[in-house]
Every structure is written in C-alpha cells, then in structure tokens.
Amino acid sequence: MKKMNFDFLKTFDEKKVFTDTAWVAENDPEVYDRLHELMEGFVADESNQTTQDDLESFESGKWCVEYCFTENDGNLTVRIYAGETWHDVANQPPWLEETVTVEDFKENYPYQKYIERLED
C-alpha cells in the first residue's frame, strides 16, 4: 500500500493542470461550485473590482483555472487559482487550497481527469 501511494504521489508531485472554467464545470463540479461561490462573493463585495460581467464570463467558461499539486509529507496539497487571464492567475494567491491524504484525494477529486491533463 505504501509503495502504491508513493507512486501515486509521484505522479502528481510538482505537476499542474491548466484549463478553463468550462472544463472545471464539466469535470470537477464540486470545485466549480466552490470557485463560483467565491466569485459571487467578490461581485457582492463593493471593495472588490470584480464585476457582474466578470461573473458572466466565468460562468460561460472563459476564465482560466490552474491546479497545482505538491507532495507534502505523504499527503497531497492541491492549490487552485482562477483568473480572467493567465497573467491574472499568476499574480494572485490560490483561491482554494487543501492538503489531503491519497485516499481522500482518490475518493473526493476526479483525479483520473487530472491525469489526462497533467503538465510539468
């Protein structure tokens, strides 16, 4: 079991998935819902520059999303960034961040969909 988890972690360690909100909505609906909820909060926050047009662009699948995976003491840390452009994605903290066991990751994330899109 430990060897299998190590190999699994190695598959994801220091890898990324670059995609858009359309892909996330279709393949990772729980993450999409969490990101969407954050977007709605940004639009409602008068001190934030996010607009209703931004939310509509997000909802139509046009926003960029980056998943970053790193091994962390036998667990996997998943960081998810979103932005209107890749420049926006690169210049902000993660929108979502979670460290989970391999078992939790396999059970609660569509990891097979991620594997199809992993990049260094």
PDB file of N, CA and C in Angstrom:
ATOM      1  N   MET A   1       0.824  -1.203   0.000  1.00  0.00           N
ATOM      2  CA  MET A   1       0.000   0.000   0.000  1.00  0.00           C
ATOM      3  C   MET A   1       0.865   1.264   0.000  1.00  0.00           C
ATOM      4  N   LYS A   2       1.901   1.296   0.826  1.00  0.00           N
ATOM      5  CA  LYS A   2       2.757   2.488   0.903  1.00  0.00           C
ATOM      6  C   LYS A   2       3.430   2.757  -0.444  1.00  0.00           C
ATOM      7  N   LYS A   3       3.922   1.702  -1.106  1.00  0.00           N
ATOM      8  CA  LYS A   3       4.590   1.870  -2.400  1.00  0.00           C
ATOM      9  C   LYS A   3       3.604   2.424  -3.423  1.00  0.00           C
ATOM     10  N   MET A   4       2.372   1.921  -3.412  1.00  0.00           N
ATOM     11  CA  MET A   4       1.363   2.389  -4.358  1.00  0.00           C
ATOM     12  C   MET A   4       1.059   3.872  -4.114  1.00  0.00           C
ATOM     13  N   ASN A   5       0.939   4.265  -2.848  1.00  0.00           N
ATOM     14  CA  ASN A   5       0.691   5.668  -2.537  1.00  0.00           C
ATOM     15  C   ASN A   5       1.857   6.533  -2.965  1.00  0.00           C
ATOM     16  N   PHE A   6       3.088   6.044  -2.748  1.00  0.00           N
ATOM     17  CA  PHE A   6       4.271   6.798  -3.162  1.00  0.00           C
ATOM     18  C   PHE A   6       4.256   7.020  -4.667  1.00  0.00           C
ATOM     19  N   ASP A   7       3.983   5.965  -5.427  1.00  0.00           N
ATOM     20  CA  ASP A   7       3.925   6.088  -6.886  1.00  0.00           C
ATOM     21  C   ASP A   7       2.821   7.052  -7.312  1.00  0.00           C
ATOM     22  N   PHE A   8       1.695   6.984  -6.651  1.00  0.00           N
ATOM     23  CA  PHE A   8       0.579   7.877  -6.966  1.00  0.00           C
ATOM     24  C   PHE A   8       0.976   9.328  -6.692  1.00  0.00           C
ATOM     25  N   LEU A   9       1.576   9.570  -5.513  1.00  0.00           N
ATOM     26  CA  LEU A   9       2.017  10.928  -5.163  1.00  0.00           C
ATOM     27  C   LEU A   9       3.036  11.435  -6.170  1.00  0.00           C
ATOM     28  N   LYS A  10       3.931  10.564  -6.599  1.00  0.00           N
ATOM     29  CA  LYS A  10       4.966  10.954  -7.562  1.00  0.00           C
ATOM     30  C   LYS A  10       4.333  11.388  -8.895  1.00  0.00           C
ATOM     31  N   THR A  11       3.225  10.769  -9.247  1.00  0.00           N
ATOM     32  CA  THR A  11       2.516  11.134 -10.480  1.00  0.00           C
ATOM     33  C   THR A  11       2.090  12.599 -10.438  1.00  0.00           C
ATOM     34  N   PHE A  12       1.686  13.076  -9.263  1.00  0.00           N
ATOM     35  CA  PHE A  12       1.141  14.428  -9.130  1.00  0.00           C
ATOM     36  C   PHE A  12       2.141  15.460  -8.626  1.00  0.00           C
ATOM     37  N   ASP A  13       3.207  15.020  -7.942  1.00  0.00           N
ATOM     38  CA  ASP A  13       4.112  15.964  -7.285  1.00  0.00           C
ATOM     39  C   ASP A  13       4.707  16.956  -8.274  1.00  0.00           C
ATOM     40  N   GLU A  14       4.536  18.234  -7.951  1.00  0.00           N
ATOM     41  CA  GLU A  14       5.072  19.345  -8.761  1.00  0.00           C
ATOM     42  C   GLU A  14       4.465  19.403 -10.162  1.00  0.00           C
ATOM     43  N   LYS A  15       3.254  18.892 -10.321  1.00  0.00           N
ATOM     44  CA  LYS A  15       2.572  18.930 -11.618  1.00  0.00           C
ATOM     45  C   LYS A  15       1.422  19.928 -11.561  1.00  0.00           C
ATOM     46  N   LYS A  16       0.965  20.310 -12.760  1.00  0.00           N
ATOM     47  CA  LYS A  16      -0.109  21.300 -12.877  1.00  0.00           C
ATOM     48  C   LYS A  16      -1.110  20.875 -13.937  1.00  0.00           C
ATOM     49  N   VAL A  17      -2.304  21.405 -13.812  1.00  0.00           N
ATOM     50  CA  VAL A  17      -3.332  21.281 -14.843  1.00  0.00           C
ATOM     51  C   VAL A  17      -3.752  22.707 -15.196  1.00  0.00           C
ATOM     52  N   PHE A  18      -3.665  23.036 -16.478  1.00  0.00           N
ATOM     53  CA  PHE A  18      -4.107  24.337 -16.977  1.00  0.00           C
ATOM     54  C   PHE A  18      -5.387  24.122 -17.773  1.00  0.00           C
ATOM     55  N   THR A  19      -6.431  24.851 -17.410  1.00  0.00           N
ATOM     56  CA  THR A  19      -7.716  24.627 -18.065  1.00  0.00           C
ATOM     57  C   THR A  19      -8.574  25.890 -17.969  1.00  0.00           C
ATOM     58  N   ASP A  20      -9.878  25.738 -18.148  1.00  0.00           N
ATOM     59  CA  ASP A  20     -10.791  26.882 -18.043  1.00  0.00           C
ATOM     60  C   ASP A  20     -12.012  26.485 -17.224  1.00  0.00           C
ATOM     61  N   THR A  21     -12.838  27.466 -16.940  1.00  0.00           N
ATOM     62  CA  THR A  21     -13.995  27.198 -16.084  1.00  0.00           C
ATOM     63  C   THR A  21     -15.012  26.266 -16.755  1.00  0.00           C
ATOM     64  N   ALA A  22     -15.030  26.201 -18.066  1.00  0.00           N
ATOM     65  CA  ALA A  22     -15.931  25.257 -18.740  1.00  0.00           C
ATOM     66  C   ALA A  22     -15.519  23.817 -18.409  1.00  0.00           C
ATOM     67  N   TRP A  23     -14.212  23.532 -18.484  1.00  0.00           N
ATOM     68  CA  TRP A  23     -13.708  22.196 -18.160  1.00  0.00           C
ATOM     69  C   TRP A  23     -13.979  21.871 -16.694  1.00  0.00           C
ATOM     70  N   VAL A  24     -13.742  22.820 -15.808  1.00  0.00           N
ATOM     71  CA  VAL A  24     -13.962  22.598 -14.373  1.00  0.00           C
ATOM     72  C   VAL A  24     -15.441  22.302 -14.110  1.00  0.00           C
ATOM     73  N   ALA A  25     -16.339  23.067 -14.718  1.00  0.00           N
ATOM     74  CA  ALA A  25     -17.775  22.850 -14.525  1.00  0.00           C
ATOM     75  C   ALA A  25     -18.176  21.438 -14.962  1.00  0.00           C
ATOM     76  N   GLU A  26     -17.605  20.976 -16.051  1.00  0.00           N
ATOM     77  CA  GLU A  26     -17.957  19.661 -16.590  1.00  0.00           C
ATOM     78  C   GLU A  26     -17.295  18.514 -15.833  1.00  0.00           C
ATOM     79  N   ASN A  27     -16.028  18.688 -15.457  1.00  0.00           N
ATOM     80  CA  ASN A  27     -15.242  17.573 -14.919  1.00  0.00           C
ATOM     81  C   ASN A  27     -14.997  17.611 -13.411  1.00  0.00           C
ATOM     82  N   ASP A  28     -15.186  18.749 -12.805  1.00  0.00           N
ATOM     83  CA  ASP A  28     -14.899  18.903 -11.376  1.00  0.00           C
ATOM     84  C   ASP A  28     -15.950  19.831 -10.754  1.00  0.00           C
ATOM     85  N   PRO A  29     -17.229  19.403 -10.785  1.00  0.00           N
ATOM     86  CA  PRO A  29     -18.320  20.298 -10.381  1.00  0.00           C
ATOM     87  C   PRO A  29     -18.232  20.797  -8.947  1.00  0.00           C
ATOM     88  N   GLU A  30     -17.692  20.007  -8.023  1.00  0.00           N
ATOM     89  CA  GLU A  30     -17.586  20.477  -6.639  1.00  0.00           C
ATOM     90  C   GLU A  30     -16.622  21.668  -6.548  1.00  0.00           C
ATOM     91  N   VAL A  31     -15.489  21.569  -7.220  1.00  0.00           N
ATOM     92  CA  VAL A  31     -14.541  22.696  -7.242  1.00  0.00           C
ATOM     93  C   VAL A  31     -15.167  23.878  -7.968  1.00  0.00           C
ATOM     94  N   TYR A  32     -15.858  23.617  -9.067  1.00  0.00           N
ATOM     95  CA  TYR A  32     -16.516  24.713  -9.784  1.00  0.00           C
ATOM     96  C   TYR A  32     -17.483  25.455  -8.857  1.00  0.00           C
ATOM     97  N   ASP A  33     -18.276  24.706  -8.117  1.00  0.00           N
ATOM     98  CA  ASP A  33     -19.244  25.334  -7.210  1.00  0.00           C
ATOM     99  C   ASP A  33     -18.545  26.197  -6.168  1.00  0.00           C
ATOM    100  N   ARG A  34     -17.423  25.716  -5.650  1.00  0.00           N
ATOM    101  CA  ARG A  34     -16.679  26.484  -4.648  1.00  0.00           C
ATOM    102  C   ARG A  34     -16.086  27.755  -5.262  1.00  0.00           C
ATOM    103  N   LEU A  35     -15.535  27.633  -6.465  1.00  0.00           N
ATOM    104  CA  LEU A  35     -14.993  28.813  -7.150  1.00  0.00           C
ATOM    105  C   LEU A  35     -16.105  29.803  -7.479  1.00  0.00           C
ATOM    106  N   HIS A  36     -17.229  29.291  -7.936  1.00  0.00           N
ATOM    107  CA  HIS A  36     -18.376  30.140  -8.297  1.00  0.00           C
ATOM    108  C   HIS A  36     -18.873  30.907  -7.077  1.00  0.00           C
ATOM    109  N   GLU A  37     -18.923  30.226  -5.946  1.00  0.00           N
ATOM    110  CA  GLU A  37     -19.354  30.880  -4.710  1.00  0.00           C
ATOM    111  C   GLU A  37     -18.391  32.025  -4.343  1.00  0.00           C
ATOM    112  N   LEU A  38     -17.096  31.785  -4.519  1.00  0.00           N
ATOM    113  CA  LEU A  38     -16.119  32.853  -4.275  1.00  0.00           C
ATOM    114  C   LEU A  38     -16.351  34.024  -5.221  1.00  0.00           C
ATOM    115  N   MET A  39     -16.592  33.721  -6.505  1.00  0.00           N
ATOM    116  CA  MET A  39     -16.849  34.783  -7.490  1.00  0.00           C
ATOM    117  C   MET A  39     -18.049  35.620  -7.092  1.00  0.00           C
ATOM    118  N   GLU A  40     -19.117  34.969  -6.682  1.00  0.00           N
ATOM    119  CA  GLU A  40     -20.308  35.706  -6.262  1.00  0.00           C
ATOM    120  C   GLU A  40     -19.986  36.620  -5.081  1.00  0.00           C
ATOM    121  N   GLY A  41     -19.168  36.142  -4.169  1.00  0.00           N
ATOM    122  CA  GLY A  41     -18.752  36.964  -3.039  1.00  0.00           C
ATOM    123  C   GLY A  41     -17.929  38.161  -3.479  1.00  0.00           C
ATOM    124  N   PHE A  42     -17.046  37.950  -4.458  1.00  0.00           N
ATOM    125  CA  PHE A  42     -16.229  39.060  -4.975  1.00  0.00           C
ATOM    126  C   PHE A  42     -17.111  40.125  -5.621  1.00  0.00           C
ATOM    127  N   VAL A  43     -18.101  39.694  -6.389  1.00  0.00           N
ATOM    128  CA  VAL A  43     -19.014  40.633  -7.057  1.00  0.00           C
ATOM    129  C   VAL A  43     -19.807  41.421  -6.010  1.00  0.00           C
ATOM    130  N   ALA A  44     -20.239  40.754  -4.948  1.00  0.00           N
ATOM    131  CA  ALA A  44     -21.046  41.406  -3.913  1.00  0.00           C
ATOM    132  C   ALA A  44     -20.219  42.359  -3.046  1.00  0.00           C
ATOM    133  N   ASP A  45     -18.918  42.142  -2.985  1.00  0.00           N
ATOM    134  CA  ASP A  45     -18.032  42.961  -2.145  1.00  0.00           C
ATOM    135  C   ASP A  45     -17.703  44.267  -2.865  1.00  0.00           C
ATOM    136  N   GLU A  46     -18.207  45.372  -2.370  1.00  0.00           N
ATOM    137  CA  GLU A  46     -18.010  46.670  -3.031  1.00  0.00           C
ATOM    138  C   GLU A  46     -16.546  47.100  -3.068  1.00  0.00           C
ATOM    139  N   SER A  47     -15.722  46.551  -2.180  1.00  0.00           N
ATOM    140  CA  SER A  47     -14.298  46.910  -2.188  1.00  0.00           C
ATOM    141  C   SER A  47     -13.506  46.088  -3.208  1.00  0.00           C
ATOM    142  N   ASN A  48     -14.156  45.120  -3.830  1.00  0.00           N
ATOM    143  CA  ASN A  48     -13.507  44.269  -4.831  1.00  0.00           C
ATOM    144  C   ASN A  48     -13.870  44.781  -6.224  1.00  0.00           C
ATOM    145  N   GLN A  49     -12.942  44.683  -7.166  1.00  0.00           N
ATOM    146  CA  GLN A  49     -13.161  45.192  -8.526  1.00  0.00           C
ATOM    147  C   GLN A  49     -13.868  44.195  -9.439  1.00  0.00           C
ATOM    148  N   THR A  50     -14.203  43.019  -8.932  1.00  0.00           N
ATOM    149  CA  THR A  50     -14.878  42.010  -9.743  1.00  0.00           C
ATOM    150  C   THR A  50     -16.308  42.474 -10.043  1.00  0.00           C
ATOM    151  N   THR A  51     -16.693  42.346 -11.322  1.00  0.00           N
ATOM    152  CA  THR A  51     -17.987  42.852 -11.778  1.00  0.00           C
ATOM    153  C   THR A  51     -18.937  41.708 -12.152  1.00  0.00           C
ATOM    154  N   GLN A  52     -20.179  42.076 -12.399  1.00  0.00           N
ATOM    155  CA  GLN A  52     -21.167  41.112 -12.881  1.00  0.00           C
ATOM    156  C   GLN A  52     -20.733  40.550 -14.236  1.00  0.00           C
ATOM    157  N   ASP A  53     -20.115  41.377 -15.075  1.00  0.00           N
ATOM    158  CA  ASP A  53     -19.597  40.900 -16.367  1.00  0.00           C
ATOM    159  C   ASP A  53     -18.525  39.829 -16.167  1.00  0.00           C
ATOM    160  N   ASP A  54     -17.674  40.021 -15.143  1.00  0.00           N
ATOM    161  CA  ASP A  54     -16.659  39.015 -14.831  1.00  0.00           C
ATOM    162  C   ASP A  54     -17.321  37.690 -14.451  1.00  0.00           C
ATOM    163  N   LEU A  55     -18.349  37.766 -13.620  1.00  0.00           N
ATOM    164  CA  LEU A  55     -19.066  36.563 -13.208  1.00  0.00           C
ATOM    165  C   LEU A  55     -19.685  35.860 -14.416  1.00  0.00           C
ATOM    166  N   GLU A  56     -20.270  36.629 -15.317  1.00  0.00           N
ATOM    167  CA  GLU A  56     -20.873  36.040 -16.523  1.00  0.00           C
ATOM    168  C   GLU A  56     -19.816  35.393 -17.406  1.00  0.00           C
ATOM    169  N   SER A  57     -18.655  36.003 -17.513  1.00  0.00           N
ATOM    170  CA  SER A  57     -17.550  35.426 -18.274  1.00  0.00           C
ATOM    171  C   SER A  57     -17.072  34.124 -17.618  1.00  0.00           C
ATOM    172  N   PHE A  58     -16.971  34.135 -16.309  1.00  0.00           N
ATOM    173  CA  PHE A  58     -16.623  32.939 -15.541  1.00  0.00           C
ATOM    174  C   PHE A  58     -17.637  31.834 -15.825  1.00  0.00           C
ATOM    175  N   GLU A  59     -18.918  32.168 -15.728  1.00  0.00           N
ATOM    176  CA  GLU A  59     -19.981  31.190 -15.925  1.00  0.00           C
ATOM    177  C   GLU A  59     -20.031  30.655 -17.351  1.00  0.00           C
ATOM    178  N   SER A  60     -19.597  31.453 -18.314  1.00  0.00           N
ATOM    179  CA  SER A  60     -19.618  30.986 -19.707  1.00  0.00           C
ATOM    180  C   SER A  60     -18.372  30.175 -20.062  1.00  0.00           C
ATOM    181  N   GLY A  61     -17.519  29.926 -19.061  1.00  0.00           N
ATOM    182  CA  GLY A  61     -16.374  29.034 -19.283  1.00  0.00           C
ATOM    183  C   GLY A  61     -15.121  29.700 -19.769  1.00  0.00           C
ATOM    184  N   LYS A  62     -15.065  31.018 -19.741  1.00  0.00           N
ATOM    185  CA  LYS A  62     -13.949  31.740 -20.345  1.00  0.00           C
ATOM    186  C   LYS A  62     -12.799  32.061 -19.387  1.00  0.00           C
ATOM    187  N   TRP A  63     -12.964  31.788 -18.097  1.00  0.00           N
ATOM    188  CA  TRP A  63     -11.905  32.107 -17.142  1.00  0.00           C
ATOM    189  C   TRP A  63     -10.877  30.983 -17.089  1.00  0.00           C
ATOM    190  N   CYS A  64      -9.646  31.337 -16.822  1.00  0.00           N
ATOM    191  CA  CYS A  64      -8.531  30.398 -16.715  1.00  0.00           C
ATOM    192  C   CYS A  64      -8.498  29.801 -15.310  1.00  0.00           C
ATOM    193  N   VAL A  65      -8.164  28.520 -15.239  1.00  0.00           N
ATOM    194  CA  VAL A  65      -8.037  27.833 -13.953  1.00  0.00           C
ATOM    195  C   VAL A  65      -6.769  26.993 -13.971  1.00  0.00           C
ATOM    196  N   GLU A  66      -6.010  27.098 -12.897  1.00  0.00           N
ATOM    197  CA  GLU A  66      -4.784  26.316 -12.749  1.00  0.00           C
ATOM    198  C   GLU A  66      -4.868  25.509 -11.459  1.00  0.00           C
ATOM    199  N   TYR A  67      -4.616  24.211 -11.581  1.00  0.00           N
ATOM    200  CA  TYR A  67      -4.488  23.326 -10.429  1.00  0.00           C
ATOM    201  C   TYR A  67      -3.000  23.058 -10.243  1.00  0.00           C
ATOM    202  N   CYS A  68      -2.503  23.170  -9.028  1.00  0.00           N
ATOM    203  CA  CYS A  68      -1.115  22.842  -8.710  1.00  0.00           C
ATOM    204  C   CYS A  68      -1.113  21.760  -7.635  1.00  0.00           C
ATOM    205  N   PHE A  69      -0.308  20.731  -7.856  1.00  0.00           N
ATOM    206  CA  PHE A  69      -0.245  19.611  -6.929  1.00  0.00           C
ATOM    207  C   PHE A  69       1.176  19.490  -6.382  1.00  0.00           C
ATOM    208  N   THR A  70       1.298  19.285  -5.072  1.00  0.00           N
ATOM    209  CA  THR A  70       2.602  19.028  -4.461  1.00  0.00           C
ATOM    210  C   THR A  70       2.452  17.980  -3.372  1.00  0.00           C
ATOM    211  N   GLU A  71       3.452  17.109  -3.310  1.00  0.00           N
ATOM    212  CA  GLU A  71       3.511  16.111  -2.239  1.00  0.00           C
ATOM    213  C   GLU A  71       3.914  16.834  -0.972  1.00  0.00           C
ATOM    214  N   ASN A  72       3.284  16.458   0.149  1.00  0.00           N
ATOM    215  CA  ASN A  72       3.524  17.144   1.412  1.00  0.00           C
ATOM    216  C   ASN A  72       3.478  16.105   2.534  1.00  0.00           C
ATOM    217  N   ASP A  73       4.642  15.563   2.900  1.00  0.00           N
ATOM    218  CA  ASP A  73       4.727  14.562   3.980  1.00  0.00           C
ATOM    219  C   ASP A  73       3.775  13.384   3.774  1.00  0.00           C
ATOM    220  N   GLY A  74       3.739  12.849   2.571  1.00  0.00           N
ATOM    221  CA  GLY A  74       2.892  11.699   2.276  1.00  0.00           C
ATOM    222  C   GLY A  74       1.460  12.041   1.928  1.00  0.00           C
ATOM    223  N   ASN A  75       1.134  13.315   1.965  1.00  0.00           N
ATOM    224  CA  ASN A  75      -0.186  13.795   1.556  1.00  0.00           C
ATOM    225  C   ASN A  75      -0.045  14.596   0.273  1.00  0.00           C
ATOM    226  N   LEU A  76      -1.141  15.051  -0.255  1.00  0.00           N
ATOM    227  CA  LEU A  76      -1.123  15.842  -1.479  1.00  0.00           C
ATOM    228  C   LEU A  76      -1.768  17.198  -1.205  1.00  0.00           C
ATOM    229  N   THR A  77      -1.039  18.266  -1.521  1.00  0.00           N
ATOM    230  CA  THR A  77      -1.600  19.611  -1.409  1.00  0.00           C
ATOM    231  C   THR A  77      -2.081  20.036  -2.784  1.00  0.00           C
ATOM    232  N   VAL A  78      -3.324  20.472  -2.840  1.00  0.00           N
ATOM    233  CA  VAL A  78      -3.950  20.928  -4.084  1.00  0.00           C
ATOM    234  C   VAL A  78      -4.207  22.423  -3.926  1.00  0.00           C
ATOM    235  N   ARG A  79      -3.642  23.212  -4.845  1.00  0.00           N
ATOM    236  CA  ARG A  79      -3.896  24.652  -4.873  1.00  0.00           C
ATOM    237  C   ARG A  79      -4.575  24.965  -6.194  1.00  0.00           C
ATOM    238  N   ILE A  80      -5.654  25.757  -6.126  1.00  0.00           N
ATOM    239  CA  ILE A  80      -6.408  26.085  -7.330  1.00  0.00           C
ATOM    240  C   ILE A  80      -6.494  27.598  -7.452  1.00  0.00           C
ATOM    241  N   TYR A  81      -6.094  28.082  -8.617  1.00  0.00           N
ATOM    242  CA  TYR A  81      -6.081  29.503  -8.928  1.00  0.00           C
ATOM    243  C   TYR A  81      -7.069  29.746 -10.059  1.00  0.00           C
ATOM    244  N   ALA A  82      -7.645  30.939 -10.104  1.00  0.00           N
ATOM    245  CA  ALA A  82      -8.538  31.299 -11.207  1.00  0.00           C
ATOM    246  C   ALA A  82      -8.334  32.767 -11.538  1.00  0.00           C
ATOM    247  N   GLY A  83      -8.567  33.108 -12.792  1.00  0.00           N
ATOM    248  CA  GLY A  83      -8.450  34.491 -13.218  1.00  0.00           C
ATOM    249  C   GLY A  83      -8.964  34.662 -14.627  1.00  0.00           C
ATOM    250  N   GLU A  84      -9.228  35.897 -14.970  1.00  0.00           N
ATOM    251  CA  GLU A  84      -9.739  36.178 -16.313  1.00  0.00           C
ATOM    252  C   GLU A  84      -8.699  35.863 -17.388  1.00  0.00           C
ATOM    253  N   THR A  85      -7.421  36.076 -17.056  1.00  0.00           N
ATOM    254  CA  THR A  85      -6.321  35.763 -17.975  1.00  0.00           C
ATOM    255  C   THR A  85      -5.270  34.948 -17.220  1.00  0.00           C
ATOM    256  N   TRP A  86      -4.341  34.353 -17.963  1.00  0.00           N
ATOM    257  CA  TRP A  86      -3.258  33.606 -17.305  1.00  0.00           C
ATOM    258  C   TRP A  86      -2.377  34.554 -16.508  1.00  0.00           C
ATOM    259  N   HIS A  87      -2.245  35.787 -16.930  1.00  0.00           N
ATOM    260  CA  HIS A  87      -1.493  36.783 -16.158  1.00  0.00           C
ATOM    261  C   HIS A  87      -2.157  37.002 -14.801  1.00  0.00           C
ATOM    262  N   ASP A  88      -3.474  37.093 -14.794  1.00  0.00           N
ATOM    263  CA  ASP A  88      -4.212  37.243 -13.537  1.00  0.00           C
ATOM    264  C   ASP A  88      -3.983  36.036 -12.615  1.00  0.00           C
ATOM    265  N   VAL A  89      -4.016  34.847 -13.195  1.00  0.00           N
ATOM    266  CA  VAL A  89      -3.819  33.620 -12.420  1.00  0.00           C
ATOM    267  C   VAL A  89      -2.448  33.628 -11.749  1.00  0.00           C
ATOM    268  N   ALA A  90      -1.442  34.063 -12.494  1.00  0.00           N
ATOM    269  CA  ALA A  90      -0.059  34.031 -11.994  1.00  0.00           C
ATOM    270  C   ALA A  90       0.206  35.051 -10.895  1.00  0.00           C
ATOM    271  N   ASN A  91      -0.638  36.055 -10.779  1.00  0.00           N
ATOM    272  CA  ASN A  91      -0.367  37.160  -9.858  1.00  0.00           C
ATOM    273  C   ASN A  91      -1.310  37.226  -8.665  1.00  0.00           C
ATOM    274  N   GLN A  92      -1.740  36.077  -8.179  1.00  0.00           N
ATOM    275  CA  GLN A  92      -2.622  36.086  -7.018  1.00  0.00           C
ATOM    276  C   GLN A  92      -2.430  34.828  -6.186  1.00  0.00           C
ATOM    277  N   PRO A  93      -2.885  34.871  -4.948  1.00  0.00           N
ATOM    278  CA  PRO A  93      -2.815  33.671  -4.111  1.00  0.00           C
ATOM    279  C   PRO A  93      -3.847  32.645  -4.574  1.00  0.00           C
ATOM    280  N   PRO A  94      -3.711  31.410  -4.117  1.00  0.00           N
ATOM    281  CA  PRO A  94      -4.699  30.397  -4.508  1.00  0.00           C
ATOM    282  C   PRO A  94      -6.099  30.749  -4.001  1.00  0.00           C
ATOM    283  N   TRP A  95      -7.086  30.422  -4.814  1.00  0.00           N
ATOM    284  CA  TRP A  95      -8.483  30.613  -4.407  1.00  0.00           C
ATOM    285  C   TRP A  95      -8.895  29.506  -3.456  1.00  0.00           C
ATOM    286  N   LEU A  96      -8.401  28.300  -3.712  1.00  0.00           N
ATOM    287  CA  LEU A  96      -8.681  27.143  -2.865  1.00  0.00           C
ATOM    288  C   LEU A  96      -7.367  26.429  -2.594  1.00  0.00           C
ATOM    289  N   GLU A  97      -7.201  25.939  -1.379  1.00  0.00           N
ATOM    290  CA  GLU A  97      -6.012  25.172  -1.031  1.00  0.00           C
ATOM    291  C   GLU A  97      -6.404  24.138   0.010  1.00  0.00           C
ATOM    292  N   GLU A  98      -5.973  22.905  -0.251  1.00  0.00           N
ATOM    293  CA  GLU A  98      -6.342  21.820   0.648  1.00  0.00           C
ATOM    294  C   GLU A  98      -5.240  20.771   0.622  1.00  0.00           C
ATOM    295  N   THR A  99      -4.886  20.248   1.790  1.00  0.00           N
ATOM    296  CA  THR A  99      -3.956  19.130   1.889  1.00  0.00           C
ATOM    297  C   THR A  99      -4.763  17.917   2.320  1.00  0.00           C
ATOM    298  N   VAL A 100      -4.670  16.856   1.525  1.00  0.00           N
ATOM    299  CA  VAL A 100      -5.490  15.663   1.755  1.00  0.00           C
ATOM    300  C   VAL A 100      -4.626  14.413   1.669  1.00  0.00           C
ATOM    301  N   THR A 101      -5.124  13.340   2.269  1.00  0.00           N
ATOM    302  CA  THR A 101      -4.452  12.047   2.135  1.00  0.00           C
ATOM    303  C   THR A 101      -4.685  11.530   0.712  1.00  0.00           C
ATOM    304  N   VAL A 102      -3.883  10.561   0.316  1.00  0.00           N
ATOM    305  CA  VAL A 102      -4.062   9.955  -1.001  1.00  0.00           C
ATOM    306  C   VAL A 102      -5.461   9.353  -1.107  1.00  0.00           C
ATOM    307  N   GLU A 103      -5.914   8.698  -0.050  1.00  0.00           N
ATOM    308  CA  GLU A 103      -7.238   8.076  -0.069  1.00  0.00           C
ATOM    309  C   GLU A 103      -8.331   9.126  -0.249  1.00  0.00           C
ATOM    310  N   ASP A 104      -8.235  10.228   0.496  1.00  0.00           N
ATOM    311  CA  ASP A 104      -9.226  11.303   0.352  1.00  0.00           C
ATOM    312  C   ASP A 104      -9.198  11.897  -1.049  1.00  0.00           C
ATOM    313  N   PHE A 105      -8.001  12.068  -1.590  1.00  0.00           N
ATOM    314  CA  PHE A 105      -7.866  12.622  -2.933  1.00  0.00           C
ATOM    315  C   PHE A 105      -8.541  11.707  -3.953  1.00  0.00           C
ATOM    316  N   LYS A 106      -8.257  10.422  -3.866  1.00  0.00           N
ATOM    317  CA  LYS A 106      -8.855   9.468  -4.805  1.00  0.00           C
ATOM    318  C   LYS A 106     -10.367   9.411  -4.666  1.00  0.00           C
ATOM    319  N   GLU A 107     -10.855   9.583  -3.438  1.00  0.00           N
ATOM    320  CA  GLU A 107     -12.283   9.483  -3.180  1.00  0.00           C
ATOM    321  C   GLU A 107     -13.052  10.751  -3.544  1.00  0.00           C
ATOM    322  N   ASN A 108     -12.428  11.928  -3.379  1.00  0.00           N
ATOM    323  CA  ASN A 108     -13.162  13.187  -3.478  1.00  0.00           C
ATOM    324  C   ASN A 108     -12.789  14.089  -4.646  1.00  0.00           C
ATOM    325  N   TYR A 109     -11.799  13.717  -5.404  1.00  0.00           N
ATOM    326  CA  TYR A 109     -11.382  14.524  -6.550  1.00  0.00           C
ATOM    327  C   TYR A 109     -11.404  13.659  -7.809  1.00  0.00           C
ATOM    328  N   PRO A 110     -11.701  14.230  -8.968  1.00  0.00           N
ATOM    329  CA  PRO A 110     -11.697  13.458 -10.224  1.00  0.00           C
ATOM    330  C   PRO A 110     -10.261  13.297 -10.762  1.00  0.00           C
ATOM    331  N   TYR A 111      -9.437  12.584  -9.977  1.00  0.00           N
ATOM    332  CA  TYR A 111      -8.003  12.518 -10.276  1.00  0.00           C
ATOM    333  C   TYR A 111      -7.697  11.933 -11.651  1.00  0.00           C
ATOM    334  N   GLN A 112      -8.528  11.040 -12.147  1.00  0.00           N
ATOM    335  CA  GLN A 112      -8.272  10.473 -13.475  1.00  0.00           C
ATOM    336  C   GLN A 112      -8.401  11.545 -14.563  1.00  0.00           C
ATOM    337  N   LYS A 113      -9.316  12.476 -14.372  1.00  0.00           N
ATOM    338  CA  LYS A 113      -9.452  13.601 -15.315  1.00  0.00           C
ATOM    339  C   LYS A 113      -8.207  14.482 -15.250  1.00  0.00           C
ATOM    340  N   TYR A 114      -7.667  14.677 -14.031  1.00  0.00           N
ATOM    341  CA  TYR A 114      -6.448  15.480 -13.884  1.00  0.00           C
ATOM    342  C   TYR A 114      -5.270  14.814 -14.592  1.00  0.00           C
ATOM    343  N   ILE A 115      -5.148  13.499 -14.415  1.00  0.00           N
ATOM    344  CA  ILE A 115      -4.017  12.771 -15.006  1.00  0.00           C
ATOM    345  C   ILE A 115      -3.966  12.996 -16.514  1.00  0.00           C
ATOM    346  N   GLU A 116      -5.125  13.054 -17.148  1.00  0.00           N
ATOM    347  CA  GLU A 116      -5.178  13.258 -18.602  1.00  0.00           C
ATOM    348  C   GLU A 116      -4.593  14.611 -19.011  1.00  0.00           C
ATOM    349  N   ARG A 117      -4.512  15.565 -18.083  1.00  0.00           N
ATOM    350  CA  ARG A 117      -4.105  16.931 -18.425  1.00  0.00           C
ATOM    351  C   ARG A 117      -2.853  17.411 -17.689  1.00  0.00           C
ATOM    352  N   LEU A 118      -2.182  16.538 -16.940  1.00  0.00           N
ATOM    353  CA  LEU A 118      -1.026  16.959 -16.146  1.00  0.00           C
ATOM    354  C   LEU A 118       0.106  17.492 -17.000  1.00  0.00           C
ATOM    355  N   GLU A 119       0.732  18.555 -16.494  1.00  0.00           N
ATOM    356  CA  GLU A 119       1.908  19.157 -17.122  1.00  0.00           C
ATOM    357  C   GLU A 119       2.934  19.447 -16.049  1.00  0.00           C
ATOM    358  N   ASP A 120       4.214  19.512 -16.464  1.00  0.00           N
ATOM    359  CA  ASP A 120       5.272  19.887 -15.519  1.00  0.00           C
ATOM    360  C   ASP A 120       5.233  21.355 -15.220  1.00  0.00           C
TER     361      ASP A 120
END
